[in-house]
Amino acid sequence: MNILARRSLLLLASSAAFGAAVAAPAAPLVMGFSQVGAESEWRSANTASIKAAAKQDGVTLKFADAQQKQENQVKAIRSFIAQKVDVIAFSPVVESGWDTVLREAKAAKIPVILTDRAVNVSDPSLFVSFIGSDFVEEGRKAGRWLLERAAKNPGADLNIVELQGTVGSAPALDRKKGFEEVIAGNPKLKISRSQSGDFTRAKGKEVMEAFLKAKDKKIDVLYAHNDDMAIGAIQAIEEAGLKPGKDILIISIDGVKGAFEAMLAGKLNVTVECNPLLGPQLMQLAREVVAGKTVAKRITTLEGVFPAEVAAKELPNRRY
């Protein structure tokens, strides 16, 4: 090999090495996330988990709070599309009304992941995966606990009032469905009143006050679709001169610290867990989706049931 050829080879090698040394790092994954709002302890814990996981995983998170309004979520999703994010994730306020905006995301080739709540769309390919709880099963767990409690006094009729979640939302629809499915086999258990408390303490208290003012039937059981509404209802029950957890059995869903504290105080009888700490799973799922990997259409979190008897033992373990 002559000197000129050798110099050319050395120059090419040096250029390649230099290029490798100064090559820019790969751009971080960019996720647009639209959250329902901040209506409860559960939602706040869910938001904190997602933000912390994104930071730890090096994901650039564009976060939007919908303040429990679907129109705000639609605007946020369209903004994410315009910004050409890598993936969109959101927890839908309600189940229906998403086809148009999700088609826009699909046309832009941006994958969509649902978290916590599902949607009802004409084309299931409009989202790639759902990660969250089985709300119907949560309702069933609440119903099974009541059946076991009722079995201890089989002759008694139990009048139940129900605090539903946000009208049209997946957890409200499914938790009602699961609960009713289980108690339907016992003619002694009847739901006399059912109204939305919108998943908030203030609204839960307000609706429970209205239930208590209706004197036609004694209330034996309150079934609340989340802990925050149950805690609001507890305030209304106490202000009415009754003892929550004793005069009225109280069943709720979520498993937040406030529920365990209420159980320790003897004011709540049982809470069904709904795990909000979805952040790490969501980041992993997003990376797999963006990489083109095949993922499960539904990923369900594992959850338990916590009666008052275990509250003291479990409270120190609660992270939310």
C-alpha atoms as a PDB file:
ATOM      1  CA  MET A   1       0.000   0.000   0.000  1.00  0.00           C
ATOM      2  CA  ASN A   2       1.472   3.412  -0.955  1.00  0.00           C
ATOM      3  CA  ILE A   3       1.738   6.361   1.455  1.00  0.00           C
ATOM      4  CA  LEU A   4      -1.179   8.265  -0.088  1.00  0.00           C
ATOM      5  CA  ALA A   5      -3.548   5.318   0.272  1.00  0.00           C
ATOM      6  CA  ARG A   6      -2.438   4.749   3.854  1.00  0.00           C
ATOM      7  CA  ARG A   7      -3.056   8.412   4.704  1.00  0.00           C
ATOM      8  CA  SER A   8      -6.540   8.197   3.207  1.00  0.00           C
ATOM      9  CA  LEU A   9      -7.387   5.175   5.345  1.00  0.00           C
ATOM     10  CA  LEU A  10      -6.088   6.878   8.485  1.00  0.00           C
ATOM     11  CA  LEU A  11      -8.124   9.979   7.673  1.00  0.00           C
ATOM     12  CA  LEU A  12     -11.302   7.934   7.201  1.00  0.00           C
ATOM     13  CA  ALA A  13     -10.720   6.068  10.467  1.00  0.00           C
ATOM     14  CA  SER A  14     -10.103   9.304  12.352  1.00  0.00           C
ATOM     15  CA  SER A  15     -13.224  10.881  10.904  1.00  0.00           C
ATOM     16  CA  ALA A  16     -15.335   7.867  11.887  1.00  0.00           C
ATOM     17  CA  ALA A  17     -13.925   7.856  15.410  1.00  0.00           C
ATOM     18  CA  PHE A  18     -14.476  11.596  15.777  1.00  0.00           C
ATOM     19  CA  GLY A  19     -18.036  11.261  14.476  1.00  0.00           C
ATOM     20  CA  ALA A  20     -18.756   8.511  16.972  1.00  0.00           C
ATOM     21  CA  ALA A  21     -17.343  10.607  19.785  1.00  0.00           C
ATOM     22  CA  VAL A  22     -19.454  13.677  19.061  1.00  0.00           C
ATOM     23  CA  ALA A  23     -22.639  11.980  17.879  1.00  0.00           C
ATOM     24  CA  ALA A  24     -25.678  13.575  19.540  1.00  0.00           C
ATOM     25  CA  PRO A  25     -27.540  11.374  22.026  1.00  0.00           C
ATOM     26  CA  ALA A  26     -30.875   9.943  20.929  1.00  0.00           C
ATOM     27  CA  ALA A  27     -33.780  12.289  21.549  1.00  0.00           C
ATOM     28  CA  PRO A  28     -35.824  11.373  24.649  1.00  0.00           C
ATOM     29  CA  LEU A  29     -39.265   9.868  24.249  1.00  0.00           C
ATOM     30  CA  VAL A  30     -41.911  12.599  24.358  1.00  0.00           C
ATOM     31  CA  MET A  31     -45.278  11.731  25.920  1.00  0.00           C
ATOM     32  CA  GLY A  32     -48.390  13.866  25.966  1.00  0.00           C
ATOM     33  CA  PHE A  33     -50.542  12.988  28.986  1.00  0.00           C
ATOM     34  CA  SER A  34     -54.035  14.305  29.737  1.00  0.00           C
ATOM     35  CA  GLN A  35     -55.204  13.714  33.304  1.00  0.00           C
ATOM     36  CA  VAL A  36     -58.850  13.782  34.407  1.00  0.00           C
ATOM     37  CA  GLY A  37     -58.162  16.355  37.113  1.00  0.00           C
ATOM     38  CA  ALA A  38     -57.326  16.426  40.812  1.00  0.00           C
ATOM     39  CA  GLU A  39     -60.677  15.410  42.268  1.00  0.00           C
ATOM     40  CA  SER A  40     -59.430  12.934  44.873  1.00  0.00           C
ATOM     41  CA  GLU A  41     -56.493  11.592  46.854  1.00  0.00           C
ATOM     42  CA  TRP A  42     -56.346   8.719  44.374  1.00  0.00           C
ATOM     43  CA  ARG A  43     -56.016  11.032  41.380  1.00  0.00           C
ATOM     44  CA  SER A  44     -53.310  13.101  43.047  1.00  0.00           C
ATOM     45  CA  ALA A  45     -51.326   9.937  43.777  1.00  0.00           C
ATOM     46  CA  ASN A  46     -51.809   8.777  40.200  1.00  0.00           C
ATOM     47  CA  THR A  47     -50.502  12.084  38.822  1.00  0.00           C
ATOM     48  CA  ALA A  48     -47.503  12.053  41.172  1.00  0.00           C
ATOM     49  CA  SER A  49     -46.642   8.478  40.114  1.00  0.00           C
ATOM     50  CA  ILE A  50     -46.744   9.353  36.410  1.00  0.00           C
ATOM     51  CA  LYS A  51     -44.655  12.515  36.785  1.00  0.00           C
ATOM     52  CA  ALA A  52     -42.048  10.784  38.969  1.00  0.00           C
ATOM     53  CA  ALA A  53     -41.782   7.779  36.658  1.00  0.00           C
ATOM     54  CA  ALA A  54     -41.369  10.001  33.588  1.00  0.00           C
ATOM     55  CA  LYS A  55     -38.565  11.939  35.266  1.00  0.00           C
ATOM     56  CA  GLN A  56     -36.797   8.784  36.403  1.00  0.00           C
ATOM     57  CA  ASP A  57     -37.127   7.151  32.981  1.00  0.00           C
ATOM     58  CA  GLY A  58     -35.936  10.189  31.043  1.00  0.00           C
ATOM     59  CA  VAL A  59     -39.303  10.711  29.340  1.00  0.00           C
ATOM     60  CA  THR A  60     -40.220  14.273  28.360  1.00  0.00           C
ATOM     61  CA  LEU A  61     -43.745  14.629  29.745  1.00  0.00           C
ATOM     62  CA  LYS A  62     -46.200  17.203  28.425  1.00  0.00           C
ATOM     63  CA  PHE A  63     -48.890  17.162  31.115  1.00  0.00           C
ATOM     64  CA  ALA A  64     -52.401  18.619  30.871  1.00  0.00           C
ATOM     65  CA  ASP A  65     -55.042  18.738  33.632  1.00  0.00           C
ATOM     66  CA  ALA A  66     -58.550  18.454  32.126  1.00  0.00           C
ATOM     67  CA  GLN A  67     -60.293  19.651  35.300  1.00  0.00           C
ATOM     68  CA  GLN A  68     -62.889  16.887  34.769  1.00  0.00           C
ATOM     69  CA  LYS A  69     -64.051  18.297  31.425  1.00  0.00           C
ATOM     70  CA  GLN A  70     -64.001  16.202  28.259  1.00  0.00           C
ATOM     71  CA  GLU A  71     -63.650  19.247  26.028  1.00  0.00           C
ATOM     72  CA  ASN A  72     -60.387  20.110  27.797  1.00  0.00           C
ATOM     73  CA  GLN A  73     -59.036  16.624  27.121  1.00  0.00           C
ATOM     74  CA  VAL A  74     -59.960  16.812  23.445  1.00  0.00           C
ATOM     75  CA  LYS A  75     -58.110  20.151  23.174  1.00  0.00           C
ATOM     76  CA  ALA A  76     -55.086  18.682  24.957  1.00  0.00           C
ATOM     77  CA  ILE A  77     -54.946  15.642  22.672  1.00  0.00           C
ATOM     78  CA  ARG A  78     -55.149  17.867  19.593  1.00  0.00           C
ATOM     79  CA  SER A  79     -52.351  20.000  21.030  1.00  0.00           C
ATOM     80  CA  PHE A  80     -50.210  16.873  21.520  1.00  0.00           C
ATOM     81  CA  ILE A  81     -50.885  15.880  17.899  1.00  0.00           C
ATOM     82  CA  ALA A  82     -49.833  19.345  16.700  1.00  0.00           C
ATOM     83  CA  GLN A  83     -46.633  19.082  18.769  1.00  0.00           C
ATOM     84  CA  LYS A  84     -45.903  15.686  17.153  1.00  0.00           C
ATOM     85  CA  VAL A  85     -45.285  13.859  20.421  1.00  0.00           C
ATOM     86  CA  ASP A  86     -44.143  10.218  20.240  1.00  0.00           C
ATOM     87  CA  VAL A  87     -47.049   8.795  22.229  1.00  0.00           C
ATOM     88  CA  ILE A  88     -50.271  10.059  23.797  1.00  0.00           C
ATOM     89  CA  ALA A  89     -51.658   8.693  27.066  1.00  0.00           C
ATOM     90  CA  PHE A  90     -54.776   9.841  28.858  1.00  0.00           C
ATOM     91  CA  SER A  91     -57.292   8.917  31.528  1.00  0.00           C
ATOM     92  CA  PRO A  92     -60.654   9.735  29.916  1.00  0.00           C
ATOM     93  CA  VAL A  93     -63.238  11.745  31.843  1.00  0.00           C
ATOM     94  CA  VAL A  94     -66.082   9.714  30.294  1.00  0.00           C
ATOM     95  CA  GLU A  95     -66.311   6.619  28.080  1.00  0.00           C
ATOM     96  CA  SER A  96     -67.937   7.984  24.920  1.00  0.00           C
ATOM     97  CA  GLY A  97     -67.226  10.773  22.440  1.00  0.00           C
ATOM     98  CA  TRP A  98     -63.609   9.960  21.554  1.00  0.00           C
ATOM     99  CA  ASP A  99     -63.790   8.553  18.008  1.00  0.00           C
ATOM    100  CA  THR A 100     -63.057  11.791  16.130  1.00  0.00           C
ATOM    101  CA  VAL A 101     -60.008  12.954  18.060  1.00  0.00           C
ATOM    102  CA  LEU A 102     -58.538   9.453  18.301  1.00  0.00           C
ATOM    103  CA  ARG A 103     -58.875   9.077  14.532  1.00  0.00           C
ATOM    104  CA  GLU A 104     -56.868  12.300  14.235  1.00  0.00           C
ATOM    105  CA  ALA A 105     -54.137  10.792  16.408  1.00  0.00           C
ATOM    106  CA  LYS A 106     -54.138   7.593  14.350  1.00  0.00           C
ATOM    107  CA  ALA A 107     -53.896   9.587  11.103  1.00  0.00           C
ATOM    108  CA  ALA A 108     -50.869  11.367  12.572  1.00  0.00           C
ATOM    109  CA  LYS A 109     -49.367   7.932  13.363  1.00  0.00           C
ATOM    110  CA  ILE A 110     -49.215   8.712  17.101  1.00  0.00           C
ATOM    111  CA  PRO A 111     -50.090   5.695  19.274  1.00  0.00           C
ATOM    112  CA  VAL A 112     -52.572   6.207  22.124  1.00  0.00           C
ATOM    113  CA  ILE A 113     -52.521   4.462  25.506  1.00  0.00           C
ATOM    114  CA  LEU A 114     -55.462   4.568  27.912  1.00  0.00           C
ATOM    115  CA  THR A 115     -54.734   4.678  31.631  1.00  0.00           C
ATOM    116  CA  ASP A 116     -57.108   3.974  34.533  1.00  0.00           C
ATOM    117  CA  ARG A 117     -60.316   4.444  32.497  1.00  0.00           C
ATOM    118  CA  ALA A 118     -61.513   2.833  29.277  1.00  0.00           C
ATOM    119  CA  VAL A 119     -63.344   4.309  26.280  1.00  0.00           C
ATOM    120  CA  ASN A 120     -66.213   3.116  24.114  1.00  0.00           C
ATOM    121  CA  VAL A 121     -65.144   3.568  20.477  1.00  0.00           C
ATOM    122  CA  SER A 122     -66.339   2.101  17.178  1.00  0.00           C
ATOM    123  CA  ASP A 123     -62.808   1.040  16.196  1.00  0.00           C
ATOM    124  CA  PRO A 124     -60.681  -0.654  18.901  1.00  0.00           C
ATOM    125  CA  SER A 125     -57.522   0.043  16.879  1.00  0.00           C
ATOM    126  CA  LEU A 126     -57.836   3.733  17.819  1.00  0.00           C
ATOM    127  CA  PHE A 127     -55.867   2.916  20.987  1.00  0.00           C
ATOM    128  CA  VAL A 128     -53.065   0.385  21.368  1.00  0.00           C
ATOM    129  CA  SER A 129     -53.495  -0.624  24.994  1.00  0.00           C
ATOM    130  CA  PHE A 130     -55.306   0.037  28.252  1.00  0.00           C
ATOM    131  CA  ILE A 131     -53.532  -0.144  31.601  1.00  0.00           C
ATOM    132  CA  GLY A 132     -55.502  -0.005  34.823  1.00  0.00           C
ATOM    133  CA  SER A 133     -57.970  -1.678  37.135  1.00  0.00           C
ATOM    134  CA  ASP A 134     -60.896  -3.984  36.475  1.00  0.00           C
ATOM    135  CA  PHE A 135     -63.669  -1.714  37.735  1.00  0.00           C
ATOM    136  CA  VAL A 136     -66.398  -4.332  37.338  1.00  0.00           C
ATOM    137  CA  GLU A 137     -64.408  -6.704  39.552  1.00  0.00           C
ATOM    138  CA  GLU A 138     -63.948  -3.919  42.113  1.00  0.00           C
ATOM    139  CA  GLY A 139     -67.733  -3.571  42.275  1.00  0.00           C
ATOM    140  CA  ARG A 140     -68.056  -7.339  42.644  1.00  0.00           C
ATOM    141  CA  LYS A 141     -65.569  -7.338  45.530  1.00  0.00           C
ATOM    142  CA  ALA A 142     -67.608  -4.665  47.301  1.00  0.00           C
ATOM    143  CA  GLY A 143     -70.777  -6.699  46.740  1.00  0.00           C
ATOM    144  CA  ARG A 144     -69.182  -9.930  47.995  1.00  0.00           C
ATOM    145  CA  TRP A 145     -68.099  -8.233  51.219  1.00  0.00           C
ATOM    146  CA  LEU A 146     -71.679  -7.058  51.793  1.00  0.00           C
ATOM    147  CA  LEU A 147     -73.071 -10.537  51.080  1.00  0.00           C
ATOM    148  CA  GLU A 148     -70.732 -12.013  53.684  1.00  0.00           C
ATOM    149  CA  ARG A 149     -71.758  -9.354  56.202  1.00  0.00           C
ATOM    150  CA  ALA A 150     -75.462  -9.858  55.458  1.00  0.00           C
ATOM    151  CA  ALA A 151     -75.096 -13.615  55.925  1.00  0.00           C
ATOM    152  CA  LYS A 152     -74.423 -12.988  59.629  1.00  0.00           C
ATOM    153  CA  ASN A 153     -77.976 -11.669  59.977  1.00  0.00           C
ATOM    154  CA  PRO A 154     -79.886 -13.481  57.201  1.00  0.00           C
ATOM    155  CA  GLY A 155     -83.362 -12.315  58.219  1.00  0.00           C
ATOM    156  CA  ALA A 156     -82.644  -8.595  57.940  1.00  0.00           C
ATOM    157  CA  ASP A 157     -83.566  -6.387  54.982  1.00  0.00           C
ATOM    158  CA  LEU A 158     -80.764  -3.966  54.147  1.00  0.00           C
ATOM    159  CA  ASN A 159     -81.576  -0.674  52.457  1.00  0.00           C
ATOM    160  CA  ILE A 160     -78.598   0.529  50.397  1.00  0.00           C
ATOM    161  CA  VAL A 161     -77.854   4.013  49.071  1.00  0.00           C
ATOM    162  CA  GLU A 162     -75.208   4.481  46.400  1.00  0.00           C
ATOM    163  CA  LEU A 163     -72.846   7.360  45.690  1.00  0.00           C
ATOM    164  CA  GLN A 164     -71.869   6.976  42.047  1.00  0.00           C
ATOM    165  CA  GLY A 165     -68.805   8.464  40.402  1.00  0.00           C
ATOM    166  CA  THR A 166     -68.814  10.944  37.511  1.00  0.00           C
ATOM    167  CA  VAL A 167     -71.780  10.324  35.217  1.00  0.00           C
ATOM    168  CA  GLY A 168     -70.720   8.376  32.121  1.00  0.00           C
ATOM    169  CA  SER A 169     -67.244   7.517  33.424  1.00  0.00           C
ATOM    170  CA  ALA A 170     -65.947   3.958  33.172  1.00  0.00           C
ATOM    171  CA  PRO A 171     -65.425   3.453  36.936  1.00  0.00           C
ATOM    172  CA  ALA A 172     -68.914   4.742  37.758  1.00  0.00           C
ATOM    173  CA  LEU A 173     -70.589   2.497  35.178  1.00  0.00           C
ATOM    174  CA  ASP A 174     -68.513  -0.583  35.956  1.00  0.00           C
ATOM    175  CA  ARG A 175     -68.446  -0.345  39.753  1.00  0.00           C
ATOM    176  CA  LYS A 176     -72.232  -0.060  39.733  1.00  0.00           C
ATOM    177  CA  LYS A 177     -72.544  -3.005  37.337  1.00  0.00           C
ATOM    178  CA  GLY A 178     -70.267  -5.300  39.356  1.00  0.00           C
ATOM    179  CA  PHE A 179     -71.903  -4.492  42.686  1.00  0.00           C
ATOM    180  CA  GLU A 180     -75.445  -4.986  41.390  1.00  0.00           C
ATOM    181  CA  GLU A 181     -74.446  -8.232  39.676  1.00  0.00           C
ATOM    182  CA  VAL A 182     -73.355  -9.738  42.998  1.00  0.00           C
ATOM    183  CA  ILE A 183     -76.165  -8.524  45.279  1.00  0.00           C
ATOM    184  CA  ALA A 184     -78.891  -9.409  42.749  1.00  0.00           C
ATOM    185  CA  GLY A 185     -79.053 -12.944  44.172  1.00  0.00           C
ATOM    186  CA  ASN A 186     -80.090 -11.704  47.621  1.00  0.00           C
ATOM    187  CA  PRO A 187     -83.659 -10.303  47.769  1.00  0.00           C
ATOM    188  CA  LYS A 188     -82.886  -8.765  51.180  1.00  0.00           C
ATOM    189  CA  LEU A 189     -80.424  -6.291  49.618  1.00  0.00           C
ATOM    190  CA  LYS A 190     -81.959  -3.389  47.728  1.00  0.00           C
ATOM    191  CA  ILE A 191     -80.526  -0.116  46.395  1.00  0.00           C
ATOM    192  CA  SER A 192     -83.184   2.520  47.112  1.00  0.00           C
ATOM    193  CA  ARG A 193     -81.286   5.605  45.978  1.00  0.00           C
ATOM    194  CA  SER A 194     -78.347   6.133  43.630  1.00  0.00           C
ATOM    195  CA  GLN A 195     -76.868   9.490  42.648  1.00  0.00           C
ATOM    196  CA  SER A 196     -73.554  10.858  41.380  1.00  0.00           C
ATOM    197  CA  GLY A 197     -71.200  12.455  43.866  1.00  0.00           C
ATOM    198  CA  ASP A 198     -68.714  13.166  41.048  1.00  0.00           C
ATOM    199  CA  PHE A 199     -65.892  11.414  42.958  1.00  0.00           C
ATOM    200  CA  THR A 200     -65.413  14.433  45.277  1.00  0.00           C
ATOM    201  CA  ARG A 201     -65.725  14.792  49.068  1.00  0.00           C
ATOM    202  CA  ALA A 202     -67.832  17.936  48.827  1.00  0.00           C
ATOM    203  CA  LYS A 203     -70.345  16.401  46.441  1.00  0.00           C
ATOM    204  CA  GLY A 204     -70.369  13.130  48.378  1.00  0.00           C
ATOM    205  CA  LYS A 205     -71.309  15.044  51.528  1.00  0.00           C
ATOM    206  CA  GLU A 206     -73.984  17.033  49.702  1.00  0.00           C
ATOM    207  CA  VAL A 207     -75.671  13.979  48.160  1.00  0.00           C
ATOM    208  CA  MET A 208     -75.516  12.013  51.420  1.00  0.00           C
ATOM    209  CA  GLU A 209     -77.219  14.901  53.205  1.00  0.00           C
ATOM    210  CA  ALA A 210     -80.058  14.637  50.687  1.00  0.00           C
ATOM    211  CA  PHE A 211     -80.270  10.862  51.188  1.00  0.00           C
ATOM    212  CA  LEU A 212     -80.515  11.320  54.953  1.00  0.00           C
ATOM    213  CA  LYS A 213     -83.262  13.923  54.685  1.00  0.00           C
ATOM    214  CA  ALA A 214     -85.519  11.464  52.837  1.00  0.00           C
ATOM    215  CA  LYS A 215     -87.241   9.789  55.803  1.00  0.00           C
ATOM    216  CA  ASP A 216     -89.183   7.107  53.895  1.00  0.00           C
ATOM    217  CA  LYS A 217     -86.552   4.416  54.531  1.00  0.00           C
ATOM    218  CA  LYS A 218     -83.856   3.876  57.128  1.00  0.00           C
ATOM    219  CA  ILE A 219     -80.418   3.705  55.505  1.00  0.00           C
ATOM    220  CA  ASP A 220     -78.500   0.573  56.472  1.00  0.00           C
ATOM    221  CA  VAL A 221     -75.623   0.616  53.950  1.00  0.00           C
ATOM    222  CA  LEU A 222     -73.752   3.222  51.933  1.00  0.00           C
ATOM    223  CA  TYR A 223     -71.872   2.017  48.846  1.00  0.00           C
ATOM    224  CA  ALA A 224     -69.555   4.777  47.598  1.00  0.00           C
ATOM    225  CA  HIS A 225     -67.676   4.462  44.313  1.00  0.00           C
ATOM    226  CA  ASN A 226     -64.591   6.032  45.863  1.00  0.00           C
ATOM    227  CA  ASP A 227     -63.099   6.812  49.269  1.00  0.00           C
ATOM    228  CA  ASP A 228     -63.320  10.590  48.918  1.00  0.00           C
ATOM    229  CA  MET A 229     -67.102  10.510  48.477  1.00  0.00           C
ATOM    230  CA  ALA A 230     -67.344   8.099  51.415  1.00  0.00           C
ATOM    231  CA  ILE A 231     -65.311  10.456  53.618  1.00  0.00           C
ATOM    232  CA  GLY A 232     -67.576  13.354  52.624  1.00  0.00           C
ATOM    233  CA  ALA A 233     -70.616  11.193  53.388  1.00  0.00           C
ATOM    234  CA  ILE A 234     -69.181  10.317  56.807  1.00  0.00           C
ATOM    235  CA  GLN A 235     -69.238  14.027  57.677  1.00  0.00           C
ATOM    236  CA  ALA A 236     -72.915  14.241  56.660  1.00  0.00           C
ATOM    237  CA  ILE A 237     -73.800  11.137  58.692  1.00  0.00           C
ATOM    238  CA  GLU A 238     -72.103  12.515  61.808  1.00  0.00           C
ATOM    239  CA  GLU A 239     -73.795  15.900  61.402  1.00  0.00           C
ATOM    240  CA  ALA A 240     -77.122  14.038  61.257  1.00  0.00           C
ATOM    241  CA  GLY A 241     -76.386  12.573  64.710  1.00  0.00           C
ATOM    242  CA  LEU A 242     -75.626   9.040  63.464  1.00  0.00           C
ATOM    243  CA  LYS A 243     -72.531   6.877  63.828  1.00  0.00           C
ATOM    244  CA  PRO A 244     -70.878   6.029  60.486  1.00  0.00           C
ATOM    245  CA  GLY A 245     -69.616   2.454  60.358  1.00  0.00           C
ATOM    246  CA  LYS A 246     -72.149   1.398  63.002  1.00  0.00           C
ATOM    247  CA  ASP A 247     -75.574   2.903  62.323  1.00  0.00           C
ATOM    248  CA  ILE A 248     -74.756   2.837  58.606  1.00  0.00           C
ATOM    249  CA  LEU A 249     -72.297   0.336  57.125  1.00  0.00           C
ATOM    250  CA  ILE A 250     -69.951   2.064  54.679  1.00  0.00           C
ATOM    251  CA  ILE A 251     -68.283   0.367  51.713  1.00  0.00           C
ATOM    252  CA  SER A 252     -65.969   2.302  49.398  1.00  0.00           C
ATOM    253  CA  ILE A 253     -63.331   1.842  46.710  1.00  0.00           C
ATOM    254  CA  ASP A 254     -59.743   3.097  46.198  1.00  0.00           C
ATOM    255  CA  GLY A 255     -57.775   2.224  49.323  1.00  0.00           C
ATOM    256  CA  VAL A 256     -56.241   5.648  50.008  1.00  0.00           C
ATOM    257  CA  LYS A 257     -54.707   6.554  53.372  1.00  0.00           C
ATOM    258  CA  GLY A 258     -57.757   8.584  54.312  1.00  0.00           C
ATOM    259  CA  ALA A 259     -59.904   5.460  54.067  1.00  0.00           C
ATOM    260  CA  PHE A 260     -57.573   3.510  56.353  1.00  0.00           C
ATOM    261  CA  GLU A 261     -57.612   6.349  58.857  1.00  0.00           C
ATOM    262  CA  ALA A 262     -61.433   6.341  58.747  1.00  0.00           C
ATOM    263  CA  MET A 263     -61.436   2.574  59.341  1.00  0.00           C
ATOM    264  CA  LEU A 264     -59.109   2.984  62.320  1.00  0.00           C
ATOM    265  CA  ALA A 265     -61.589   5.522  63.722  1.00  0.00           C
ATOM    266  CA  GLY A 266     -64.402   2.998  63.263  1.00  0.00           C
ATOM    267  CA  LYS A 267     -66.173   5.145  60.658  1.00  0.00           C
ATOM    268  CA  LEU A 268     -65.608   3.057  57.510  1.00  0.00           C
ATOM    269  CA  ASN A 269     -66.105  -0.701  57.257  1.00  0.00           C
ATOM    270  CA  VAL A 270     -64.182  -1.744  54.140  1.00  0.00           C
ATOM    271  CA  THR A 271     -62.311  -0.308  51.159  1.00  0.00           C
ATOM    272  CA  VAL A 272     -61.595  -2.127  47.890  1.00  0.00           C
ATOM    273  CA  GLU A 273     -58.174  -1.305  46.502  1.00  0.00           C
ATOM    274  CA  CYS A 274     -57.683   0.516  43.198  1.00  0.00           C
ATOM    275  CA  ASN A 275     -53.957   1.023  42.665  1.00  0.00           C
ATOM    276  CA  PRO A 276     -53.059   4.507  41.322  1.00  0.00           C
ATOM    277  CA  LEU A 277     -49.292   3.930  41.057  1.00  0.00           C
ATOM    278  CA  LEU A 278     -49.316   3.252  37.326  1.00  0.00           C
ATOM    279  CA  GLY A 279     -46.377   5.492  36.358  1.00  0.00           C
ATOM    280  CA  PRO A 280     -43.560   2.909  36.016  1.00  0.00           C
ATOM    281  CA  GLN A 281     -45.767   0.472  34.079  1.00  0.00           C
ATOM    282  CA  LEU A 282     -46.959   3.270  31.799  1.00  0.00           C
ATOM    283  CA  MET A 283     -43.414   4.397  30.921  1.00  0.00           C
ATOM    284  CA  GLN A 284     -42.332   0.847  30.149  1.00  0.00           C
ATOM    285  CA  LEU A 285     -45.433   0.260  28.031  1.00  0.00           C
ATOM    286  CA  ALA A 286     -44.911   3.546  26.139  1.00  0.00           C
ATOM    287  CA  ARG A 287     -41.340   2.626  25.221  1.00  0.00           C
ATOM    288  CA  GLU A 288     -42.454  -0.792  23.978  1.00  0.00           C
ATOM    289  CA  VAL A 289     -45.249   0.739  21.901  1.00  0.00           C
ATOM    290  CA  VAL A 290     -43.002   3.384  20.324  1.00  0.00           C
ATOM    291  CA  ALA A 291     -40.423   0.674  19.565  1.00  0.00           C
ATOM    292  CA  GLY A 292     -43.089  -1.184  17.598  1.00  0.00           C
ATOM    293  CA  LYS A 293     -43.335  -4.139  19.960  1.00  0.00           C
ATOM    294  CA  THR A 294     -46.569  -6.109  20.306  1.00  0.00           C
ATOM    295  CA  VAL A 295     -48.262  -5.327  23.627  1.00  0.00           C
ATOM    296  CA  ALA A 296     -51.353  -6.666  25.402  1.00  0.00           C
ATOM    297  CA  LYS A 297     -54.574  -4.812  24.629  1.00  0.00           C
ATOM    298  CA  ARG A 298     -55.472  -4.761  28.338  1.00  0.00           C
ATOM    299  CA  ILE A 299     -53.067  -4.768  31.291  1.00  0.00           C
ATOM    300  CA  THR A 300     -54.822  -5.182  34.644  1.00  0.00           C
ATOM    301  CA  THR A 301     -53.291  -4.218  37.979  1.00  0.00           C
ATOM    302  CA  LEU A 302     -53.421  -6.554  40.992  1.00  0.00           C
ATOM    303  CA  GLU A 303     -55.478  -5.293  43.933  1.00  0.00           C
ATOM    304  CA  GLY A 304     -56.954  -6.441  47.248  1.00  0.00           C
ATOM    305  CA  VAL A 305     -59.817  -5.878  49.687  1.00  0.00           C
ATOM    306  CA  PHE A 306     -59.158  -4.270  53.090  1.00  0.00           C
ATOM    307  CA  PRO A 307     -61.792  -4.552  55.835  1.00  0.00           C
ATOM    308  CA  ALA A 308     -61.527  -2.429  58.975  1.00  0.00           C
ATOM    309  CA  GLU A 309     -60.041  -5.353  60.897  1.00  0.00           C
ATOM    310  CA  VAL A 310     -56.731  -5.082  58.987  1.00  0.00           C
ATOM    311  CA  ALA A 311     -56.517  -1.274  58.818  1.00  0.00           C
ATOM    312  CA  ALA A 312     -54.004  -0.866  61.654  1.00  0.00           C
ATOM    313  CA  LYS A 313     -51.653  -3.403  60.115  1.00  0.00           C
ATOM    314  CA  GLU A 314     -51.947  -2.083  56.547  1.00  0.00           C
ATOM    315  CA  LEU A 315     -51.912   1.688  57.070  1.00  0.00           C
ATOM    316  CA  PRO A 316     -48.090   1.902  57.428  1.00  0.00           C
ATOM    317  CA  ASN A 317     -47.776   0.184  54.036  1.00  0.00           C
ATOM    318  CA  ARG A 318     -49.924   2.667  52.129  1.00  0.00           C
ATOM    319  CA  ARG A 319     -47.979   4.839  49.696  1.00  0.00           C
ATOM    320  CA  TYR A 320     -50.915   7.026  48.751  1.00  0.00           C
END
